[in-house]
N, C-alpha and C. Protein backbone atom coordinates (compact mmCIF):
# COMPACT_ATOMS: atom_id res chain seq x y z
N MET A 1 41.89 -10.13 -44.01
CA MET A 1 40.96 -9.14 -43.53
C MET A 1 40.45 -9.58 -42.16
N LEU A 2 40.42 -8.66 -41.20
CA LEU A 2 39.95 -8.94 -39.85
C LEU A 2 38.58 -8.30 -39.65
N PRO A 3 37.67 -9.01 -38.96
CA PRO A 3 36.39 -8.37 -38.65
C PRO A 3 36.60 -7.24 -37.65
N ALA A 4 35.84 -6.19 -37.80
CA ALA A 4 35.95 -5.05 -36.89
C ALA A 4 34.56 -4.54 -36.58
N PRO A 5 34.38 -3.94 -35.40
CA PRO A 5 33.06 -3.40 -35.07
C PRO A 5 32.72 -2.22 -35.97
N ARG A 6 31.45 -2.09 -36.28
CA ARG A 6 31.00 -0.96 -37.09
C ARG A 6 30.72 0.26 -36.22
N ILE A 7 30.46 0.03 -34.94
CA ILE A 7 30.21 1.12 -34.01
C ILE A 7 31.19 0.96 -32.86
N GLU A 8 31.94 2.00 -32.56
CA GLU A 8 32.92 1.95 -31.48
C GLU A 8 32.53 2.92 -30.38
N VAL A 9 32.99 2.62 -29.17
CA VAL A 9 32.86 3.53 -28.04
C VAL A 9 33.95 4.59 -28.23
N PRO A 10 33.60 5.89 -28.29
CA PRO A 10 34.62 6.92 -28.57
C PRO A 10 35.81 6.87 -27.62
N GLU A 11 35.58 6.59 -26.34
CA GLU A 11 36.67 6.57 -25.36
C GLU A 11 37.52 5.31 -25.49
N ALA A 12 37.06 4.33 -26.25
CA ALA A 12 37.79 3.06 -26.36
C ALA A 12 37.93 2.66 -27.82
N ALA A 13 38.28 3.62 -28.68
CA ALA A 13 38.43 3.32 -30.11
C ALA A 13 39.56 2.31 -30.30
N LEU A 14 39.38 1.43 -31.25
CA LEU A 14 40.37 0.38 -31.50
C LEU A 14 41.60 0.94 -32.19
N ALA A 15 42.76 0.69 -31.59
CA ALA A 15 44.03 1.04 -32.22
C ALA A 15 44.80 -0.23 -32.56
N ASP A 16 44.57 -1.28 -31.78
CA ASP A 16 45.23 -2.57 -31.97
C ASP A 16 44.24 -3.53 -32.63
N PRO A 17 44.56 -4.05 -33.81
CA PRO A 17 43.61 -4.94 -34.50
C PRO A 17 43.34 -6.25 -33.76
N PHE A 18 44.15 -6.58 -32.77
CA PHE A 18 43.96 -7.83 -32.03
C PHE A 18 43.33 -7.61 -30.65
N ALA A 19 43.04 -6.36 -30.32
CA ALA A 19 42.42 -6.06 -29.03
C ALA A 19 40.95 -6.48 -29.06
N VAL A 20 40.43 -6.79 -27.88
CA VAL A 20 39.01 -7.12 -27.76
C VAL A 20 38.24 -5.81 -27.66
N ALA A 21 37.28 -5.64 -28.55
CA ALA A 21 36.50 -4.40 -28.59
C ALA A 21 35.47 -4.37 -27.46
N ARG A 22 35.32 -3.19 -26.86
CA ARG A 22 34.25 -3.00 -25.88
C ARG A 22 32.94 -2.95 -26.65
N PRO A 23 31.91 -3.71 -26.23
CA PRO A 23 30.65 -3.71 -26.98
C PRO A 23 30.03 -2.32 -27.04
N ALA A 24 29.48 -2.00 -28.19
CA ALA A 24 28.79 -0.73 -28.39
C ALA A 24 27.67 -0.96 -29.38
N GLY A 25 26.66 -0.14 -29.28
CA GLY A 25 25.57 -0.26 -30.23
C GLY A 25 24.29 0.30 -29.67
N PHE A 26 23.22 0.16 -30.46
CA PHE A 26 21.95 0.74 -30.10
C PHE A 26 20.84 -0.28 -29.96
N GLY A 27 21.13 -1.55 -30.18
CA GLY A 27 20.09 -2.57 -30.11
C GLY A 27 19.64 -2.82 -28.69
N PRO A 28 18.44 -3.36 -28.51
CA PRO A 28 17.96 -3.67 -27.16
C PRO A 28 18.77 -4.79 -26.53
N VAL A 29 19.03 -4.65 -25.24
CA VAL A 29 19.79 -5.65 -24.49
C VAL A 29 18.80 -6.68 -23.93
N PRO A 30 19.05 -7.97 -24.14
CA PRO A 30 18.11 -9.00 -23.67
C PRO A 30 18.02 -9.04 -22.14
N PRO A 31 16.88 -9.49 -21.60
CA PRO A 31 16.69 -9.50 -20.15
C PRO A 31 17.60 -10.46 -19.40
N PHE A 32 18.21 -11.42 -20.08
CA PHE A 32 19.07 -12.37 -19.38
C PHE A 32 20.51 -11.87 -19.25
N TRP A 33 20.85 -10.72 -19.80
CA TRP A 33 22.20 -10.18 -19.63
C TRP A 33 22.35 -9.71 -18.19
N ARG A 34 23.55 -9.91 -17.64
CA ARG A 34 23.80 -9.69 -16.22
C ARG A 34 23.36 -8.31 -15.73
N TRP A 35 23.70 -7.24 -16.45
CA TRP A 35 23.40 -5.91 -15.91
C TRP A 35 21.91 -5.63 -15.89
N ARG A 36 21.09 -6.33 -16.67
CA ARG A 36 19.64 -6.20 -16.54
C ARG A 36 19.11 -7.16 -15.48
N GLU A 37 19.61 -8.39 -15.51
CA GLU A 37 19.10 -9.40 -14.60
C GLU A 37 19.32 -9.04 -13.13
N GLU A 38 20.38 -8.29 -12.83
CA GLU A 38 20.64 -7.92 -11.43
C GLU A 38 19.56 -7.01 -10.86
N HIS A 39 18.68 -6.48 -11.70
CA HIS A 39 17.59 -5.62 -11.24
C HIS A 39 16.26 -6.35 -11.11
N CYS A 40 16.21 -7.65 -11.42
CA CYS A 40 14.91 -8.34 -11.45
C CYS A 40 14.45 -8.80 -10.06
N GLY A 41 15.28 -8.65 -9.05
CA GLY A 41 14.85 -9.00 -7.70
C GLY A 41 15.13 -10.46 -7.35
N THR A 42 14.85 -10.78 -6.10
CA THR A 42 15.10 -12.13 -5.59
C THR A 42 13.95 -13.05 -5.94
N ARG A 43 14.25 -14.05 -6.73
CA ARG A 43 13.24 -15.04 -7.14
C ARG A 43 13.63 -16.38 -6.55
N ASP A 44 13.24 -16.58 -5.31
CA ASP A 44 13.61 -17.81 -4.60
C ASP A 44 12.35 -18.57 -4.21
N GLU A 45 12.51 -19.61 -3.39
CA GLU A 45 11.37 -20.43 -2.96
C GLU A 45 10.33 -19.60 -2.21
N GLU A 46 10.78 -18.69 -1.35
CA GLU A 46 9.86 -17.84 -0.60
C GLU A 46 9.03 -16.97 -1.56
N TRP A 47 9.69 -16.41 -2.56
CA TRP A 47 8.97 -15.61 -3.56
C TRP A 47 7.95 -16.48 -4.30
N LEU A 48 8.33 -17.70 -4.67
CA LEU A 48 7.40 -18.59 -5.37
C LEU A 48 6.17 -18.90 -4.51
N ARG A 49 6.39 -19.12 -3.21
CA ARG A 49 5.29 -19.45 -2.30
C ARG A 49 4.40 -18.26 -1.98
N GLU A 50 5.00 -17.09 -1.77
CA GLU A 50 4.26 -15.98 -1.17
C GLU A 50 3.92 -14.82 -2.10
N ARG A 51 4.66 -14.62 -3.18
CA ARG A 51 4.42 -13.42 -4.01
C ARG A 51 4.11 -13.73 -5.47
N CYS A 52 4.67 -14.78 -5.99
CA CYS A 52 4.51 -15.10 -7.41
C CYS A 52 3.02 -15.15 -7.76
N PRO A 53 2.55 -14.54 -8.81
CA PRO A 53 3.25 -13.97 -9.96
C PRO A 53 3.59 -12.48 -9.82
N GLN A 54 3.41 -11.89 -8.63
CA GLN A 54 3.81 -10.49 -8.45
C GLN A 54 5.33 -10.39 -8.49
N MET A 55 5.81 -9.18 -8.76
CA MET A 55 7.25 -8.96 -8.80
C MET A 55 7.84 -9.12 -7.41
N PRO A 56 9.11 -9.53 -7.33
CA PRO A 56 9.77 -9.63 -6.02
C PRO A 56 9.75 -8.29 -5.29
N ALA A 57 9.79 -8.34 -3.97
CA ALA A 57 9.76 -7.11 -3.17
C ALA A 57 10.95 -6.21 -3.49
N ASP A 58 12.08 -6.79 -3.86
CA ASP A 58 13.27 -5.98 -4.17
C ASP A 58 13.44 -5.76 -5.68
N PHE A 59 12.36 -5.90 -6.44
CA PHE A 59 12.40 -5.65 -7.88
C PHE A 59 12.74 -4.19 -8.14
N ASP A 60 13.59 -3.94 -9.12
CA ASP A 60 13.99 -2.59 -9.51
C ASP A 60 13.53 -2.37 -10.95
N TYR A 61 12.78 -1.30 -11.18
CA TYR A 61 12.23 -1.05 -12.51
C TYR A 61 13.30 -0.81 -13.57
N ARG A 62 14.55 -0.64 -13.17
CA ARG A 62 15.62 -0.54 -14.17
C ARG A 62 15.76 -1.83 -14.96
N PHE A 63 15.18 -2.92 -14.46
CA PHE A 63 15.17 -4.18 -15.22
C PHE A 63 14.56 -3.97 -16.60
N PHE A 64 13.57 -3.11 -16.70
CA PHE A 64 12.89 -2.89 -17.98
C PHE A 64 13.68 -1.99 -18.93
N GLN A 65 14.81 -1.46 -18.48
CA GLN A 65 15.64 -0.61 -19.32
C GLN A 65 16.37 -1.49 -20.34
N THR A 66 16.06 -1.34 -21.61
CA THR A 66 16.66 -2.19 -22.64
C THR A 66 17.82 -1.52 -23.36
N ALA A 67 18.08 -0.26 -23.09
CA ALA A 67 19.18 0.43 -23.76
C ALA A 67 20.51 -0.05 -23.19
N PRO A 68 21.56 -0.03 -24.00
CA PRO A 68 22.89 -0.32 -23.46
C PRO A 68 23.22 0.67 -22.35
N PRO A 69 23.96 0.25 -21.32
CA PRO A 69 24.21 1.12 -20.16
C PRO A 69 24.72 2.52 -20.51
N ALA A 70 25.57 2.65 -21.51
CA ALA A 70 26.12 3.97 -21.85
C ALA A 70 25.06 4.91 -22.41
N LEU A 71 23.92 4.38 -22.83
CA LEU A 71 22.87 5.22 -23.41
C LEU A 71 21.73 5.51 -22.44
N VAL A 72 21.79 4.96 -21.25
CA VAL A 72 20.72 5.19 -20.27
C VAL A 72 20.86 6.60 -19.71
N ARG A 73 19.78 7.32 -19.71
CA ARG A 73 19.74 8.70 -19.22
C ARG A 73 18.58 8.84 -18.25
N PRO A 74 18.59 9.90 -17.42
CA PRO A 74 17.41 10.16 -16.58
C PRO A 74 16.19 10.41 -17.47
N HIS A 75 15.02 10.42 -16.85
CA HIS A 75 13.80 10.67 -17.62
C HIS A 75 13.96 11.95 -18.43
N LEU A 76 13.48 11.89 -19.64
CA LEU A 76 13.53 13.05 -20.53
C LEU A 76 12.32 13.94 -20.29
N HIS A 77 12.42 15.20 -20.68
CA HIS A 77 11.28 16.11 -20.58
C HIS A 77 10.41 16.02 -21.83
N GLY A 78 11.05 15.89 -22.99
CA GLY A 78 10.29 15.76 -24.23
C GLY A 78 10.55 16.85 -25.24
N ASP A 79 11.44 17.80 -24.90
CA ASP A 79 11.78 18.85 -25.86
C ASP A 79 13.29 18.90 -26.13
N GLU A 80 14.00 17.84 -25.73
CA GLU A 80 15.44 17.80 -25.90
C GLU A 80 15.83 17.65 -27.38
N THR A 81 17.04 18.08 -27.68
CA THR A 81 17.63 17.84 -29.00
C THR A 81 18.44 16.55 -28.91
N VAL A 82 18.24 15.67 -29.88
CA VAL A 82 18.99 14.41 -29.96
C VAL A 82 19.96 14.55 -31.12
N ARG A 83 21.22 14.22 -30.87
CA ARG A 83 22.24 14.30 -31.92
C ARG A 83 23.06 13.02 -31.90
N LEU A 84 23.17 12.39 -33.06
CA LEU A 84 23.97 11.18 -33.22
C LEU A 84 25.04 11.47 -34.26
N ASP A 85 26.29 11.29 -33.87
CA ASP A 85 27.40 11.55 -34.79
C ASP A 85 27.97 10.25 -35.32
N GLY A 86 28.20 10.20 -36.62
CA GLY A 86 28.90 9.09 -37.23
C GLY A 86 28.08 7.83 -37.46
N LEU A 87 26.78 7.89 -37.33
CA LEU A 87 25.96 6.68 -37.52
C LEU A 87 25.21 6.66 -38.83
N VAL A 88 25.15 7.78 -39.51
CA VAL A 88 24.42 7.85 -40.77
C VAL A 88 25.32 8.52 -41.80
N PRO A 89 25.09 8.24 -43.08
CA PRO A 89 25.88 8.93 -44.11
C PRO A 89 25.73 10.44 -43.95
N GLY A 90 26.82 11.14 -44.10
CA GLY A 90 26.77 12.59 -43.94
C GLY A 90 27.25 13.02 -42.57
N GLY A 91 27.46 12.08 -41.66
CA GLY A 91 28.08 12.40 -40.39
C GLY A 91 27.19 12.53 -39.19
N ALA A 92 26.15 13.35 -39.24
CA ALA A 92 25.36 13.60 -38.04
C ALA A 92 23.87 13.54 -38.34
N LEU A 93 23.14 13.10 -37.35
CA LEU A 93 21.68 13.10 -37.39
C LEU A 93 21.23 13.86 -36.15
N ALA A 94 20.45 14.90 -36.33
CA ALA A 94 19.97 15.68 -35.20
C ALA A 94 18.49 15.98 -35.38
N PHE A 95 17.76 15.92 -34.28
CA PHE A 95 16.34 16.26 -34.31
C PHE A 95 15.92 16.66 -32.90
N ARG A 96 14.81 17.34 -32.82
CA ARG A 96 14.28 17.78 -31.52
C ARG A 96 13.02 17.00 -31.21
N LEU A 97 12.90 16.57 -29.96
CA LEU A 97 11.69 15.88 -29.52
C LEU A 97 10.52 16.86 -29.55
N PRO A 98 9.29 16.38 -29.69
CA PRO A 98 8.16 17.24 -30.05
C PRO A 98 7.64 18.21 -28.99
N GLY A 99 8.08 18.11 -27.75
CA GLY A 99 7.58 19.05 -26.74
C GLY A 99 6.16 18.77 -26.30
N LEU A 100 5.74 17.51 -26.40
CA LEU A 100 4.41 17.08 -25.97
C LEU A 100 4.53 16.02 -24.89
N VAL A 101 3.47 15.87 -24.10
CA VAL A 101 3.47 14.86 -23.04
C VAL A 101 2.06 14.29 -22.90
N PRO A 102 1.94 12.96 -22.79
CA PRO A 102 0.62 12.39 -22.49
C PRO A 102 0.25 12.67 -21.03
N VAL A 103 -1.00 12.97 -20.83
CA VAL A 103 -1.53 13.20 -19.48
C VAL A 103 -2.61 12.15 -19.24
N ALA A 104 -2.52 11.47 -18.10
CA ALA A 104 -3.54 10.48 -17.73
C ALA A 104 -4.51 11.15 -16.76
N HIS A 105 -5.79 11.13 -17.12
CA HIS A 105 -6.84 11.66 -16.26
C HIS A 105 -7.46 10.45 -15.55
N HIS A 106 -7.01 10.23 -14.30
CA HIS A 106 -7.44 9.07 -13.51
C HIS A 106 -8.76 9.36 -12.80
N ALA A 107 -9.60 8.33 -12.67
CA ALA A 107 -10.88 8.48 -11.97
C ALA A 107 -11.14 7.25 -11.11
N TRP A 108 -11.75 7.49 -9.95
CA TRP A 108 -12.14 6.43 -9.04
C TRP A 108 -13.66 6.44 -8.91
N PHE A 109 -14.24 5.30 -8.61
CA PHE A 109 -15.69 5.20 -8.47
C PHE A 109 -16.22 6.06 -7.33
N ASP A 110 -15.38 6.36 -6.34
CA ASP A 110 -15.83 7.16 -5.20
C ASP A 110 -15.77 8.67 -5.48
N GLY A 111 -15.48 9.05 -6.72
CA GLY A 111 -15.49 10.46 -7.10
C GLY A 111 -14.13 11.13 -7.15
N ARG A 112 -13.10 10.49 -6.63
CA ARG A 112 -11.77 11.09 -6.70
C ARG A 112 -11.31 11.13 -8.16
N ALA A 113 -10.51 12.14 -8.47
CA ALA A 113 -9.94 12.27 -9.81
C ALA A 113 -8.62 13.02 -9.70
N VAL A 114 -7.70 12.67 -10.55
CA VAL A 114 -6.41 13.36 -10.61
C VAL A 114 -5.86 13.23 -12.03
N SER A 115 -5.18 14.28 -12.46
CA SER A 115 -4.50 14.26 -13.75
C SER A 115 -3.01 14.26 -13.50
N ALA A 116 -2.28 13.42 -14.22
CA ALA A 116 -0.84 13.31 -14.00
C ALA A 116 -0.12 13.11 -15.33
N ARG A 117 1.06 13.72 -15.42
CA ARG A 117 1.92 13.54 -16.59
C ARG A 117 2.54 12.16 -16.56
N LEU A 118 2.80 11.60 -17.73
CA LEU A 118 3.55 10.36 -17.82
C LEU A 118 5.02 10.70 -18.07
N HIS A 119 5.91 9.77 -17.72
CA HIS A 119 7.35 9.95 -17.95
C HIS A 119 7.72 9.52 -19.36
N LEU A 120 8.49 10.34 -20.05
CA LEU A 120 9.09 9.92 -21.32
C LEU A 120 10.34 9.13 -20.95
N ASP A 121 10.30 7.83 -21.19
CA ASP A 121 11.45 7.03 -20.79
C ASP A 121 12.04 6.20 -21.92
N GLY A 122 11.62 6.44 -23.14
CA GLY A 122 12.21 5.70 -24.25
C GLY A 122 12.21 6.48 -25.54
N VAL A 123 13.36 6.53 -26.18
CA VAL A 123 13.49 7.07 -27.53
C VAL A 123 14.09 5.94 -28.36
N HIS A 124 13.32 5.43 -29.28
CA HIS A 124 13.72 4.28 -30.08
C HIS A 124 13.92 4.74 -31.52
N LEU A 125 15.12 4.54 -32.04
CA LEU A 125 15.45 4.97 -33.39
C LEU A 125 15.55 3.77 -34.31
N ASP A 126 14.93 3.85 -35.46
CA ASP A 126 15.04 2.81 -36.48
C ASP A 126 15.76 3.42 -37.66
N LEU A 127 17.05 3.12 -37.76
CA LEU A 127 17.89 3.69 -38.81
C LEU A 127 18.17 2.68 -39.92
N ARG A 128 17.31 1.68 -40.05
CA ARG A 128 17.56 0.64 -41.06
C ARG A 128 17.39 1.14 -42.48
N ALA A 129 16.62 2.18 -42.69
CA ALA A 129 16.44 2.72 -44.04
C ALA A 129 17.75 3.34 -44.52
N GLU A 130 17.96 3.34 -45.81
CA GLU A 130 19.19 3.89 -46.38
C GLU A 130 19.32 5.40 -46.15
N ALA A 131 18.19 6.07 -46.10
CA ALA A 131 18.22 7.53 -45.94
C ALA A 131 16.98 7.97 -45.18
N ALA A 132 16.98 9.25 -44.79
CA ALA A 132 15.83 9.81 -44.09
C ALA A 132 14.60 9.74 -45.00
N PRO A 133 13.39 9.68 -44.50
CA PRO A 133 13.06 9.82 -43.08
C PRO A 133 13.21 8.50 -42.33
N TRP A 134 13.92 8.57 -41.20
CA TRP A 134 14.04 7.43 -40.32
C TRP A 134 12.91 7.48 -39.31
N ARG A 135 12.67 6.37 -38.66
CA ARG A 135 11.56 6.29 -37.71
C ARG A 135 12.07 6.54 -36.29
N VAL A 136 11.35 7.36 -35.54
CA VAL A 136 11.64 7.62 -34.14
C VAL A 136 10.36 7.33 -33.36
N ASP A 137 10.43 6.39 -32.42
CA ASP A 137 9.29 6.06 -31.56
C ASP A 137 9.61 6.52 -30.15
N LEU A 138 8.66 7.18 -29.51
CA LEU A 138 8.80 7.62 -28.13
C LEU A 138 7.87 6.80 -27.26
N THR A 139 8.33 6.43 -26.07
CA THR A 139 7.46 5.71 -25.13
C THR A 139 7.40 6.47 -23.82
N TRP A 140 6.20 6.56 -23.29
CA TRP A 140 5.95 7.19 -22.00
C TRP A 140 5.41 6.13 -21.06
N ARG A 141 5.66 6.30 -19.77
CA ARG A 141 5.22 5.32 -18.80
C ARG A 141 4.63 6.03 -17.59
N GLY A 142 3.65 5.41 -17.00
CA GLY A 142 3.06 5.91 -15.77
C GLY A 142 2.55 4.76 -14.93
N TRP A 143 2.48 4.97 -13.65
CA TRP A 143 2.01 3.94 -12.73
C TRP A 143 0.92 4.53 -11.85
N VAL A 144 0.01 3.70 -11.47
CA VAL A 144 -0.97 4.08 -10.46
C VAL A 144 -1.34 2.80 -9.71
N ALA A 145 -1.45 2.90 -8.41
CA ALA A 145 -1.85 1.74 -7.61
C ALA A 145 -3.32 1.44 -7.88
N ARG A 146 -3.59 0.21 -8.28
CA ARG A 146 -4.97 -0.19 -8.55
C ARG A 146 -5.63 -0.61 -7.25
N CYS A 147 -6.88 -0.27 -7.10
CA CYS A 147 -7.67 -0.69 -5.95
C CYS A 147 -9.09 -0.90 -6.45
N PRO A 148 -9.96 -1.54 -5.66
CA PRO A 148 -11.33 -1.78 -6.13
C PRO A 148 -12.07 -0.51 -6.52
N ALA A 149 -11.71 0.63 -5.96
CA ALA A 149 -12.40 1.88 -6.28
C ALA A 149 -11.88 2.55 -7.56
N TYR A 150 -10.78 2.02 -8.13
CA TYR A 150 -10.20 2.64 -9.32
C TYR A 150 -11.06 2.32 -10.54
N HIS A 151 -11.45 3.37 -11.26
CA HIS A 151 -12.30 3.20 -12.44
C HIS A 151 -11.48 3.08 -13.71
N GLY A 152 -10.49 3.95 -13.89
CA GLY A 152 -9.68 3.90 -15.10
C GLY A 152 -9.08 5.25 -15.41
N ALA A 153 -8.48 5.34 -16.59
CA ALA A 153 -7.83 6.58 -17.00
C ALA A 153 -8.15 6.87 -18.46
N VAL A 154 -8.21 8.14 -18.76
CA VAL A 154 -8.34 8.61 -20.13
C VAL A 154 -7.06 9.37 -20.44
N LEU A 155 -6.44 9.07 -21.59
CA LEU A 155 -5.20 9.73 -21.97
C LEU A 155 -5.47 10.88 -22.92
N ALA A 156 -4.71 11.95 -22.75
CA ALA A 156 -4.78 13.11 -23.64
C ALA A 156 -3.36 13.61 -23.86
N LEU A 157 -3.14 14.32 -24.93
CA LEU A 157 -1.84 14.87 -25.24
C LEU A 157 -1.84 16.36 -24.91
N ALA A 158 -0.78 16.82 -24.24
CA ALA A 158 -0.69 18.23 -23.85
C ALA A 158 0.70 18.77 -24.19
N SER A 159 0.80 20.07 -24.29
CA SER A 159 2.12 20.68 -24.45
C SER A 159 2.84 20.59 -23.11
N LEU A 160 4.16 20.66 -23.13
CA LEU A 160 4.92 20.63 -21.88
C LEU A 160 4.52 21.79 -20.98
N ALA A 161 4.34 22.97 -21.56
CA ALA A 161 3.95 24.14 -20.77
C ALA A 161 2.56 23.94 -20.16
N GLY A 162 1.64 23.37 -20.92
CA GLY A 162 0.29 23.15 -20.43
C GLY A 162 0.18 22.11 -19.34
N ALA A 163 1.15 21.21 -19.26
CA ALA A 163 1.12 20.14 -18.26
C ALA A 163 2.11 20.37 -17.12
N ALA A 164 2.80 21.51 -17.12
CA ALA A 164 3.88 21.75 -16.18
C ALA A 164 3.45 21.68 -14.72
N GLY A 165 2.25 22.07 -14.37
CA GLY A 165 1.83 22.08 -12.97
C GLY A 165 1.20 20.80 -12.48
N LEU A 166 1.12 19.79 -13.33
CA LEU A 166 0.44 18.54 -12.94
C LEU A 166 1.35 17.62 -12.14
N ALA A 167 0.73 16.75 -11.36
CA ALA A 167 1.47 15.72 -10.65
C ALA A 167 2.14 14.80 -11.67
N VAL A 168 3.10 14.01 -11.21
CA VAL A 168 3.84 13.10 -12.08
C VAL A 168 3.49 11.67 -11.70
N SER A 169 3.24 10.85 -12.70
CA SER A 169 2.98 9.43 -12.48
C SER A 169 4.31 8.70 -12.58
N GLY A 170 4.87 8.31 -11.43
CA GLY A 170 6.19 7.67 -11.39
C GLY A 170 6.12 6.21 -11.00
N GLU A 171 7.29 5.61 -10.78
CA GLU A 171 7.39 4.19 -10.49
C GLU A 171 6.55 3.75 -9.30
N HIS A 172 6.39 4.62 -8.34
CA HIS A 172 5.71 4.23 -7.11
C HIS A 172 4.33 4.86 -7.01
N GLY A 173 3.74 5.20 -8.13
CA GLY A 173 2.40 5.77 -8.14
C GLY A 173 2.43 7.25 -8.42
N LEU A 174 1.39 7.92 -8.00
CA LEU A 174 1.26 9.35 -8.27
C LEU A 174 2.06 10.15 -7.26
N SER A 175 2.73 11.19 -7.74
CA SER A 175 3.53 12.05 -6.89
C SER A 175 2.82 13.38 -6.71
N GLU A 176 2.86 13.92 -5.51
CA GLU A 176 2.28 15.24 -5.25
C GLU A 176 3.12 16.32 -5.92
N GLU A 177 4.38 15.99 -6.19
CA GLU A 177 5.29 16.96 -6.78
C GLU A 177 4.90 17.24 -8.22
N ALA A 178 4.77 18.50 -8.55
CA ALA A 178 4.41 18.88 -9.92
C ALA A 178 5.58 18.61 -10.85
N GLY A 179 5.27 18.27 -12.08
CA GLY A 179 6.30 18.02 -13.09
C GLY A 179 6.95 19.32 -13.52
N SER A 180 8.11 19.19 -14.14
CA SER A 180 8.81 20.38 -14.63
C SER A 180 8.71 20.44 -16.12
């Protein structure tokens, strides 16, 4: 008996029992793997002297992406249908994301205020149970540049339609561009 992968890449299904399988799966990829580490930026002597513990100037937020490369997608809206074929008994698992979005209501001590949508950037599935209901965790992310005048944020949940005209909180802070 030969060991074989339980999950295969559809485009690279094994036909030869002695072939090396292309890795596939849904588990988180560790930060020391090459395709994640290449996004962590330059960590050299200059960085240690001048920036540490801040992130390197050439840091790329894709470093925080823990999904295998084939599963990385652009930011989700939050109402997409997710379908997984061949991973659970019965053949397919399909569900729709809830159509909600967290909104951060930011405030500054000088009276400024802005509300911004957060990005849905993670769908985490826990299929360890033998049968449904399985666990689905969603993660949203937002950024804002902190300054001495920044007071904080209050989070609220809104429908996608109700938050459609708000600014978006992205990697580089708040965007004037309204979310879709």
